[in-house]
Amino acid sequence: MTKAEIVTEISRSTGLEKGAVLEVVEKFMEVVKDTMAGDENVYLRGFGSFVVKTRKEKTARNISKNTTIIIPEHKVPTFKPSRVFLDEVEK
C-alpha cells in the first residue's frame, strides 16, 4: 500500500478531504523523522515503536577489491510492532 492509497482510504472512511488527510499524514511522518533524528524514540500504543538503534563498529570485506574495511558505529531507525499489531497480522 502506498502513501496515496493510505490517504485515499482514510479520506473515504472518514469523509475528510484528501488534501487535509494528506497534510496530516505528511506532518505525522515529519514529526516521527524529526523526533528520531533527535535520537528519541516514538511509541504508539497498540501499533508499535519507532526506535533508534546504535550499530557497533565492525569489520567488513569488499570482495571485489579483496580488502578489509571498517564500518564505523552508526545509528539506524527501526520499527518494532506491538503485540496487538502482531496478533492482527498473524490471523
PDB file of N, CA and C in Angstrom:
ATOM      1  N   MET A   1       0.851  -1.169   0.000  1.00  0.00           N
ATOM      2  CA  MET A   1       0.000   0.000   0.000  1.00  0.00           C
ATOM      3  C   MET A   1       0.901   1.237   0.000  1.00  0.00           C
ATOM      4  N   THR A   2       0.578   2.184  -0.862  1.00  0.00           N
ATOM      5  CA  THR A   2       1.363   3.409  -0.970  1.00  0.00           C
ATOM      6  C   THR A   2       0.762   4.510  -0.103  1.00  0.00           C
ATOM      7  N   LYS A   3       1.513   5.613   0.038  1.00  0.00           N
ATOM      8  CA  LYS A   3       1.011   6.740   0.812  1.00  0.00           C
ATOM      9  C   LYS A   3      -0.279   7.277   0.184  1.00  0.00           C
ATOM     10  N   ALA A   4      -0.335   7.343  -1.134  1.00  0.00           N
ATOM     11  CA  ALA A   4      -1.542   7.826  -1.815  1.00  0.00           C
ATOM     12  C   ALA A   4      -2.739   6.928  -1.516  1.00  0.00           C
ATOM     13  N   GLU A   5      -2.523   5.630  -1.477  1.00  0.00           N
ATOM     14  CA  GLU A   5      -3.601   4.691  -1.163  1.00  0.00           C
ATOM     15  C   GLU A   5      -4.053   4.840   0.286  1.00  0.00           C
ATOM     16  N   ILE A   6      -3.110   5.090   1.186  1.00  0.00           N
ATOM     17  CA  ILE A   6      -3.458   5.314   2.585  1.00  0.00           C
ATOM     18  C   ILE A   6      -4.319   6.563   2.714  1.00  0.00           C
ATOM     19  N   VAL A   7      -3.906   7.641   2.049  1.00  0.00           N
ATOM     20  CA  VAL A   7      -4.660   8.892   2.087  1.00  0.00           C
ATOM     21  C   VAL A   7      -6.064   8.679   1.536  1.00  0.00           C
ATOM     22  N   THR A   8      -6.169   7.968   0.428  1.00  0.00           N
ATOM     23  CA  THR A   8      -7.476   7.701  -0.179  1.00  0.00           C
ATOM     24  C   THR A   8      -8.360   6.904   0.765  1.00  0.00           C
ATOM     25  N   GLU A   9      -7.818   5.892   1.394  1.00  0.00           N
ATOM     26  CA  GLU A   9      -8.592   5.041   2.311  1.00  0.00           C
ATOM     27  C   GLU A   9      -9.067   5.834   3.526  1.00  0.00           C
ATOM     28  N   ILE A  10      -8.183   6.627   4.111  1.00  0.00           N
ATOM     29  CA  ILE A  10      -8.575   7.439   5.277  1.00  0.00           C
ATOM     30  C   ILE A  10      -9.633   8.454   4.874  1.00  0.00           C
ATOM     31  N   SER A  11      -9.453   9.079   3.725  1.00  0.00           N
ATOM     32  CA  SER A  11     -10.420  10.061   3.232  1.00  0.00           C
ATOM     33  C   SER A  11     -11.788   9.419   3.012  1.00  0.00           C
ATOM     34  N   ARG A  12     -11.790   8.238   2.413  1.00  0.00           N
ATOM     35  CA  ARG A  12     -13.038   7.527   2.141  1.00  0.00           C
ATOM     36  C   ARG A  12     -13.749   7.123   3.430  1.00  0.00           C
ATOM     37  N   SER A  13     -12.985   6.642   4.410  1.00  0.00           N
ATOM     38  CA  SER A  13     -13.611   6.129   5.629  1.00  0.00           C
ATOM     39  C   SER A  13     -14.003   7.227   6.631  1.00  0.00           C
ATOM     40  N   THR A  14     -13.366   8.399   6.535  1.00  0.00           N
ATOM     41  CA  THR A  14     -13.690   9.472   7.477  1.00  0.00           C
ATOM     42  C   THR A  14     -14.538  10.580   6.872  1.00  0.00           C
ATOM     43  N   GLY A  15     -14.558  10.670   5.563  1.00  0.00           N
ATOM     44  CA  GLY A  15     -15.301  11.734   4.910  1.00  0.00           C
ATOM     45  C   GLY A  15     -14.530  13.040   4.817  1.00  0.00           C
ATOM     46  N   LEU A  16     -13.273  13.045   5.241  1.00  0.00           N
ATOM     47  CA  LEU A  16     -12.435  14.235   5.150  1.00  0.00           C
ATOM     48  C   LEU A  16     -11.874  14.371   3.734  1.00  0.00           C
ATOM     49  N   GLU A  17     -11.542  15.595   3.353  1.00  0.00           N
ATOM     50  CA  GLU A  17     -10.966  15.830   2.033  1.00  0.00           C
ATOM     51  C   GLU A  17      -9.567  15.233   1.950  1.00  0.00           C
ATOM     52  N   LYS A  18      -9.202  14.755   0.752  1.00  0.00           N
ATOM     53  CA  LYS A  18      -7.893  14.138   0.571  1.00  0.00           C
ATOM     54  C   LYS A  18      -6.756  15.096   0.900  1.00  0.00           C
ATOM     55  N   GLY A  19      -6.920  16.364   0.553  1.00  0.00           N
ATOM     56  CA  GLY A  19      -5.872  17.349   0.836  1.00  0.00           C
ATOM     57  C   GLY A  19      -5.587  17.475   2.313  1.00  0.00           C
ATOM     58  N   ALA A  20      -6.641  17.491   3.129  1.00  0.00           N
ATOM     59  CA  ALA A  20      -6.472  17.596   4.577  1.00  0.00           C
ATOM     60  C   ALA A  20      -5.826  16.336   5.139  1.00  0.00           C
ATOM     61  N   VAL A  21      -6.258  15.189   4.653  1.00  0.00           N
ATOM     62  CA  VAL A  21      -5.692  13.917   5.117  1.00  0.00           C
ATOM     63  C   VAL A  21      -4.217  13.833   4.737  1.00  0.00           C
ATOM     64  N   LEU A  22      -3.896  14.227   3.498  1.00  0.00           N
ATOM     65  CA  LEU A  22      -2.503  14.198   3.050  1.00  0.00           C
ATOM     66  C   LEU A  22      -1.637  15.088   3.933  1.00  0.00           C
ATOM     67  N   GLU A  23      -2.129  16.256   4.291  1.00  0.00           N
ATOM     68  CA  GLU A  23      -1.383  17.177   5.148  1.00  0.00           C
ATOM     69  C   GLU A  23      -1.109  16.552   6.513  1.00  0.00           C
ATOM     70  N   VAL A  24      -2.099  15.878   7.072  1.00  0.00           N
ATOM     71  CA  VAL A  24      -1.927  15.232   8.382  1.00  0.00           C
ATOM     72  C   VAL A  24      -0.929  14.080   8.286  1.00  0.00           C
ATOM     73  N   VAL A  25      -1.037  13.262   7.245  1.00  0.00           N
ATOM     74  CA  VAL A  25      -0.120  12.129   7.070  1.00  0.00           C
ATOM     75  C   VAL A  25       1.312  12.641   6.894  1.00  0.00           C
ATOM     76  N   GLU A  26       1.486  13.673   6.065  1.00  0.00           N
ATOM     77  CA  GLU A  26       2.815  14.259   5.853  1.00  0.00           C
ATOM     78  C   GLU A  26       3.389  14.805   7.161  1.00  0.00           C
ATOM     79  N   LYS A  27       2.563  15.492   7.933  1.00  0.00           N
ATOM     80  CA  LYS A  27       3.023  16.068   9.206  1.00  0.00           C
ATOM     81  C   LYS A  27       3.390  14.968  10.198  1.00  0.00           C
ATOM     82  N   PHE A  28       2.597  13.893  10.222  1.00  0.00           N
ATOM     83  CA  PHE A  28       2.903  12.758  11.103  1.00  0.00           C
ATOM     84  C   PHE A  28       4.287  12.200  10.769  1.00  0.00           C
ATOM     85  N   MET A  29       4.543  11.980   9.476  1.00  0.00           N
ATOM     86  CA  MET A  29       5.837  11.428   9.072  1.00  0.00           C
ATOM     87  C   MET A  29       6.973  12.390   9.407  1.00  0.00           C
ATOM     88  N   GLU A  30       6.746  13.680   9.245  1.00  0.00           N
ATOM     89  CA  GLU A  30       7.754  14.682   9.569  1.00  0.00           C
ATOM     90  C   GLU A  30       8.074  14.675  11.061  1.00  0.00           C
ATOM     91  N   VAL A  31       7.043  14.583  11.897  1.00  0.00           N
ATOM     92  CA  VAL A  31       7.251  14.555  13.349  1.00  0.00           C
ATOM     93  C   VAL A  31       8.037  13.309  13.757  1.00  0.00           C
ATOM     94  N   VAL A  32       7.697  12.153  13.181  1.00  0.00           N
ATOM     95  CA  VAL A  32       8.417  10.912  13.501  1.00  0.00           C
ATOM     96  C   VAL A  32       9.879  11.043  13.080  1.00  0.00           C
ATOM     97  N   LYS A  33      10.134  11.527  11.859  1.00  0.00           N
ATOM     98  CA  LYS A  33      11.512  11.676  11.379  1.00  0.00           C
ATOM     99  C   LYS A  33      12.302  12.655  12.239  1.00  0.00           C
ATOM    100  N   ASP A  34      11.711  13.813  12.545  1.00  0.00           N
ATOM    101  CA  ASP A  34      12.414  14.814  13.353  1.00  0.00           C
ATOM    102  C   ASP A  34      12.704  14.304  14.757  1.00  0.00           C
ATOM    103  N   THR A  35      11.759  13.591  15.326  1.00  0.00           N
ATOM    104  CA  THR A  35      11.949  13.041  16.674  1.00  0.00           C
ATOM    105  C   THR A  35      13.076  12.017  16.677  1.00  0.00           C
ATOM    106  N   MET A  36      13.073  11.127  15.690  1.00  0.00           N
ATOM    107  CA  MET A  36      14.120  10.108  15.625  1.00  0.00           C
ATOM    108  C   MET A  36      15.471  10.718  15.268  1.00  0.00           C
ATOM    109  N   ALA A  37      15.487  11.767  14.460  1.00  0.00           N
ATOM    110  CA  ALA A  37      16.737  12.452  14.137  1.00  0.00           C
ATOM    111  C   ALA A  37      17.323  13.084  15.397  1.00  0.00           C
ATOM    112  N   GLY A  38      16.456  13.449  16.342  1.00  0.00           N
ATOM    113  CA  GLY A  38      16.896  13.972  17.632  1.00  0.00           C
ATOM    114  C   GLY A  38      17.255  12.881  18.619  1.00  0.00           C
ATOM    115  N   ASP A  39      17.381  11.645  18.127  1.00  0.00           N
ATOM    116  CA  ASP A  39      17.787  10.480  18.929  1.00  0.00           C
ATOM    117  C   ASP A  39      16.749  10.109  19.991  1.00  0.00           C
ATOM    118  N   GLU A  40      15.468  10.372  19.699  1.00  0.00           N
ATOM    119  CA  GLU A  40      14.383   9.968  20.585  1.00  0.00           C
ATOM    120  C   GLU A  40      13.537   8.912  19.886  1.00  0.00           C
ATOM    121  N   ASN A  41      12.882   8.079  20.677  1.00  0.00           N
ATOM    122  CA  ASN A  41      12.006   7.044  20.149  1.00  0.00           C
ATOM    123  C   ASN A  41      10.562   7.534  20.117  1.00  0.00           C
ATOM    124  N   VAL A  42       9.749   6.910  19.267  1.00  0.00           N
ATOM    125  CA  VAL A  42       8.328   7.246  19.153  1.00  0.00           C
ATOM    126  C   VAL A  42       7.534   5.991  19.495  1.00  0.00           C
ATOM    127  N   TYR A  43       6.643   6.079  20.485  1.00  0.00           N
ATOM    128  CA  TYR A  43       5.846   4.943  20.928  1.00  0.00           C
ATOM    129  C   TYR A  43       4.382   5.193  20.618  1.00  0.00           C
ATOM    130  N   LEU A  44       3.770   4.286  19.871  1.00  0.00           N
ATOM    131  CA  LEU A  44       2.349   4.375  19.543  1.00  0.00           C
ATOM    132  C   LEU A  44       1.670   3.134  20.124  1.00  0.00           C
ATOM    133  N   ARG A  45       1.026   3.299  21.266  1.00  0.00           N
ATOM    134  CA  ARG A  45       0.404   2.181  21.967  1.00  0.00           C
ATOM    135  C   ARG A  45      -0.590   1.467  21.044  1.00  0.00           C
ATOM    136  N   GLY A  46      -0.497   0.153  21.009  1.00  0.00           N
ATOM    137  CA  GLY A  46      -1.380  -0.660  20.186  1.00  0.00           C
ATOM    138  C   GLY A  46      -0.928  -0.774  18.747  1.00  0.00           C
ATOM    139  N   PHE A  47       0.126  -0.052  18.377  1.00  0.00           N
ATOM    140  CA  PHE A  47       0.639  -0.101  16.998  1.00  0.00           C
ATOM    141  C   PHE A  47       2.086  -0.570  16.976  1.00  0.00           C
ATOM    142  N   GLY A  48       2.970   0.184  17.637  1.00  0.00           N
ATOM    143  CA  GLY A  48       4.369  -0.213  17.666  1.00  0.00           C
ATOM    144  C   GLY A  48       5.264   0.933  18.074  1.00  0.00           C
ATOM    145  N   SER A  49       6.570   0.691  17.985  1.00  0.00           N
ATOM    146  CA  SER A  49       7.559   1.674  18.395  1.00  0.00           C
ATOM    147  C   SER A  49       8.555   1.913  17.271  1.00  0.00           C
ATOM    148  N   PHE A  50       8.827   3.183  17.004  1.00  0.00           N
ATOM    149  CA  PHE A  50       9.893   3.575  16.102  1.00  0.00           C
ATOM    150  C   PHE A  50      11.084   3.864  16.996  1.00  0.00           C
ATOM    151  N   VAL A  51      12.144   3.071  16.871  1.00  0.00           N
ATOM    152  CA  VAL A  51      13.262   3.117  17.807  1.00  0.00           C
ATOM    153  C   VAL A  51      14.559   3.387  17.050  1.00  0.00           C
ATOM    154  N   VAL A  52      15.414   4.234  17.642  1.00  0.00           N
ATOM    155  CA  VAL A  52      16.744   4.490  17.094  1.00  0.00           C
ATOM    156  C   VAL A  52      17.709   3.517  17.761  1.00  0.00           C
ATOM    157  N   LYS A  53      18.363   2.674  16.953  1.00  0.00           N
ATOM    158  CA  LYS A  53      19.332   1.719  17.490  1.00  0.00           C
ATOM    159  C   LYS A  53      20.727   2.106  17.036  1.00  0.00           C
ATOM    160  N   THR A  54      21.702   1.819  17.872  1.00  0.00           N
ATOM    161  CA  THR A  54      23.098   2.093  17.548  1.00  0.00           C
ATOM    162  C   THR A  54      23.765   0.789  17.147  1.00  0.00           C
ATOM    163  N   ARG A  55      24.313   0.778  15.954  1.00  0.00           N
ATOM    164  CA  ARG A  55      25.072  -0.385  15.482  1.00  0.00           C
ATOM    165  C   ARG A  55      26.548  -0.153  15.796  1.00  0.00           C
ATOM    166  N   LYS A  56      27.187  -1.143  16.369  1.00  0.00           N
ATOM    167  CA  LYS A  56      28.587  -1.025  16.752  1.00  0.00           C
ATOM    168  C   LYS A  56      29.487  -1.043  15.519  1.00  0.00           C
ATOM    169  N   GLU A  57      30.695  -0.538  15.706  1.00  0.00           N
ATOM    170  CA  GLU A  57      31.698  -0.588  14.646  1.00  0.00           C
ATOM    171  C   GLU A  57      31.995  -2.039  14.306  1.00  0.00           C
ATOM    172  N   LYS A  58      32.189  -2.308  13.010  1.00  0.00           N
ATOM    173  CA  LYS A  58      32.506  -3.689  12.630  1.00  0.00           C
ATOM    174  C   LYS A  58      33.430  -3.703  11.423  1.00  0.00           C
ATOM    175  N   THR A  59      34.058  -4.840  11.228  1.00  0.00           N
ATOM    176  CA  THR A  59      34.945  -5.057  10.097  1.00  0.00           C
ATOM    177  C   THR A  59      34.174  -5.804   9.017  1.00  0.00           C
ATOM    178  N   ALA A  60      34.331  -5.343   7.778  1.00  0.00           N
ATOM    179  CA  ALA A  60      33.658  -5.985   6.656  1.00  0.00           C
ATOM    180  C   ALA A  60      34.674  -6.185   5.531  1.00  0.00           C
ATOM    181  N   ARG A  61      34.253  -6.901   4.490  1.00  0.00           N
ATOM    182  CA  ARG A  61      35.147  -7.150   3.356  1.00  0.00           C
ATOM    183  C   ARG A  61      34.535  -6.614   2.081  1.00  0.00           C
ATOM    184  N   ASN A  62      35.363  -5.963   1.290  1.00  0.00           N
ATOM    185  CA  ASN A  62      34.987  -5.566  -0.056  1.00  0.00           C
ATOM    186  C   ASN A  62      35.483  -6.685  -0.960  1.00  0.00           C
ATOM    187  N   ILE A  63      34.581  -7.573  -1.353  1.00  0.00           N
ATOM    188  CA  ILE A  63      35.019  -8.775  -2.073  1.00  0.00           C
ATOM    189  C   ILE A  63      35.502  -8.476  -3.488  1.00  0.00           C
ATOM    190  N   SER A  64      35.054  -7.384  -4.088  1.00  0.00           N
ATOM    191  CA  SER A  64      35.510  -7.068  -5.447  1.00  0.00           C
ATOM    192  C   SER A  64      36.968  -6.605  -5.454  1.00  0.00           C
ATOM    193  N   LYS A  65      37.404  -5.936  -4.378  1.00  0.00           N
ATOM    194  CA  LYS A  65      38.786  -5.468  -4.292  1.00  0.00           C
ATOM    195  C   LYS A  65      39.622  -6.305  -3.331  1.00  0.00           C
ATOM    196  N   ASN A  66      38.977  -7.267  -2.661  1.00  0.00           N
ATOM    197  CA  ASN A  66      39.627  -8.138  -1.695  1.00  0.00           C
ATOM    198  C   ASN A  66      40.341  -7.327  -0.601  1.00  0.00           C
ATOM    199  N   THR A  67      39.608  -6.366  -0.045  1.00  0.00           N
ATOM    200  CA  THR A  67      40.156  -5.546   1.025  1.00  0.00           C
ATOM    201  C   THR A  67      39.225  -5.578   2.235  1.00  0.00           C
ATOM    202  N   THR A  68      39.796  -5.232   3.362  1.00  0.00           N
ATOM    203  CA  THR A  68      39.022  -5.146   4.598  1.00  0.00           C
ATOM    204  C   THR A  68      38.705  -3.674   4.850  1.00  0.00           C
ATOM    205  N   ILE A  69      37.454  -3.416   5.247  1.00  0.00           N
ATOM    206  CA  ILE A  69      37.069  -2.042   5.565  1.00  0.00           C
ATOM    207  C   ILE A  69      36.436  -2.011   6.957  1.00  0.00           C
ATOM    208  N   ILE A  70      36.503  -0.865   7.580  1.00  0.00           N
ATOM    209  CA  ILE A  70      35.894  -0.665   8.893  1.00  0.00           C
ATOM    210  C   ILE A  70      34.614   0.136   8.696  1.00  0.00           C
ATOM    211  N   ILE A  71      33.508  -0.404   9.167  1.00  0.00           N
ATOM    212  CA  ILE A  71      32.238   0.314   9.149  1.00  0.00           C
ATOM    213  C   ILE A  71      32.085   0.940  10.527  1.00  0.00           C
ATOM    214  N   PRO A  72      32.062   2.278  10.600  1.00  0.00           N
ATOM    215  CA  PRO A  72      32.011   2.933  11.899  1.00  0.00           C
ATOM    216  C   PRO A  72      30.669   2.727  12.603  1.00  0.00           C
ATOM    217  N   GLU A  73      30.664   2.976  13.901  1.00  0.00           N
ATOM    218  CA  GLU A  73      29.419   2.905  14.672  1.00  0.00           C
ATOM    219  C   GLU A  73      28.438   3.903  14.065  1.00  0.00           C
ATOM    220  N   HIS A  74      27.181   3.490  13.919  1.00  0.00           N
ATOM    221  CA  HIS A  74      26.177   4.378  13.338  1.00  0.00           C
ATOM    222  C   HIS A  74      24.796   4.041  13.889  1.00  0.00           C
ATOM    223  N   LYS A  75      23.867   4.969  13.697  1.00  0.00           N
ATOM    224  CA  LYS A  75      22.500   4.787  14.191  1.00  0.00           C
ATOM    225  C   LYS A  75      21.581   4.447  13.034  1.00  0.00           C
ATOM    226  N   VAL A  76      20.602   3.572  13.311  1.00  0.00           N
ATOM    227  CA  VAL A  76      19.629   3.179  12.299  1.00  0.00           C
ATOM    228  C   VAL A  76      18.221   3.236  12.896  1.00  0.00           C
ATOM    229  N   PRO A  77      17.246   3.673  12.092  1.00  0.00           N
ATOM    230  CA  PRO A  77      15.865   3.662  12.568  1.00  0.00           C
ATOM    231  C   PRO A  77      15.280   2.262  12.402  1.00  0.00           C
ATOM    232  N   THR A  78      14.519   1.812  13.390  1.00  0.00           N
ATOM    233  CA  THR A  78      13.861   0.514  13.314  1.00  0.00           C
ATOM    234  C   THR A  78      12.412   0.652  13.762  1.00  0.00           C
ATOM    235  N   PHE A  79      11.610  -0.348  13.418  1.00  0.00           N
ATOM    236  CA  PHE A  79      10.217  -0.384  13.858  1.00  0.00           C
ATOM    237  C   PHE A  79       9.969  -1.711  14.537  1.00  0.00           C
ATOM    238  N   LYS A  80       9.385  -1.659  15.735  1.00  0.00           N
ATOM    239  CA  LYS A  80       9.033  -2.877  16.462  1.00  0.00           C
ATOM    240  C   LYS A  80       7.519  -2.865  16.658  1.00  0.00           C
ATOM    241  N   PRO A  81       6.791  -3.774  15.994  1.00  0.00           N
ATOM    242  CA  PRO A  81       5.335  -3.795  16.144  1.00  0.00           C
ATOM    243  C   PRO A  81       4.913  -4.239  17.534  1.00  0.00           C
ATOM    244  N   SER A  82       3.759  -3.736  17.973  1.00  0.00           N
ATOM    245  CA  SER A  82       3.232  -4.127  19.286  1.00  0.00           C
ATOM    246  C   SER A  82       2.644  -5.531  19.202  1.00  0.00           C
ATOM    247  N   ARG A  83       2.363  -6.115  20.333  1.00  0.00           N
ATOM    248  CA  ARG A  83       1.771  -7.445  20.393  1.00  0.00           C
ATOM    249  C   ARG A  83       0.412  -7.451  19.693  1.00  0.00           C
ATOM    250  N   VAL A  84      -0.391  -6.400  19.896  1.00  0.00           N
ATOM    251  CA  VAL A  84      -1.704  -6.290  19.258  1.00  0.00           C
ATOM    252  C   VAL A  84      -1.546  -6.289  17.740  1.00  0.00           C
ATOM    253  N   PHE A  85      -0.576  -5.533  17.240  1.00  0.00           N
ATOM    254  CA  PHE A  85      -0.283  -5.460  15.806  1.00  0.00           C
ATOM    255  C   PHE A  85       0.093  -6.841  15.285  1.00  0.00           C
ATOM    256  N   LEU A  86       1.004  -7.512  15.989  1.00  0.00           N
ATOM    257  CA  LEU A  86       1.445  -8.845  15.562  1.00  0.00           C
ATOM    258  C   LEU A  86       0.303  -9.847  15.554  1.00  0.00           C
ATOM    259  N   ASP A  87      -0.553  -9.776  16.567  1.00  0.00           N
ATOM    260  CA  ASP A  87      -1.677 -10.695  16.636  1.00  0.00           C
ATOM    261  C   ASP A  87      -2.615 -10.507  15.436  1.00  0.00           C
ATOM    262  N   GLU A  88      -2.840  -9.259  15.018  1.00  0.00           N
ATOM    263  CA  GLU A  88      -3.706  -8.980  13.861  1.00  0.00           C
ATOM    264  C   GLU A  88      -3.083  -9.533  12.569  1.00  0.00           C
ATOM    265  N   VAL A  89      -1.777  -9.371  12.412  1.00  0.00           N
ATOM    266  CA  VAL A  89      -1.101  -9.835  11.207  1.00  0.00           C
ATOM    267  C   VAL A  89      -1.061 -11.360  11.152  1.00  0.00           C
ATOM    268  N   GLU A  90      -0.917 -12.004  12.289  1.00  0.00           N
ATOM    269  CA  GLU A  90      -0.769 -13.452  12.344  1.00  0.00           C
ATOM    270  C   GLU A  90      -2.084 -14.191  12.126  1.00  0.00           C
ATOM    271  N   LYS A  91      -3.227 -13.490  12.147  1.00  0.00           N
ATOM    272  CA  LYS A  91      -4.516 -14.173  11.973  1.00  0.00           C
ATOM    273  C   LYS A  91      -4.644 -14.810  10.621  1.00  0.00           C
TER     274      LYS A  91
END
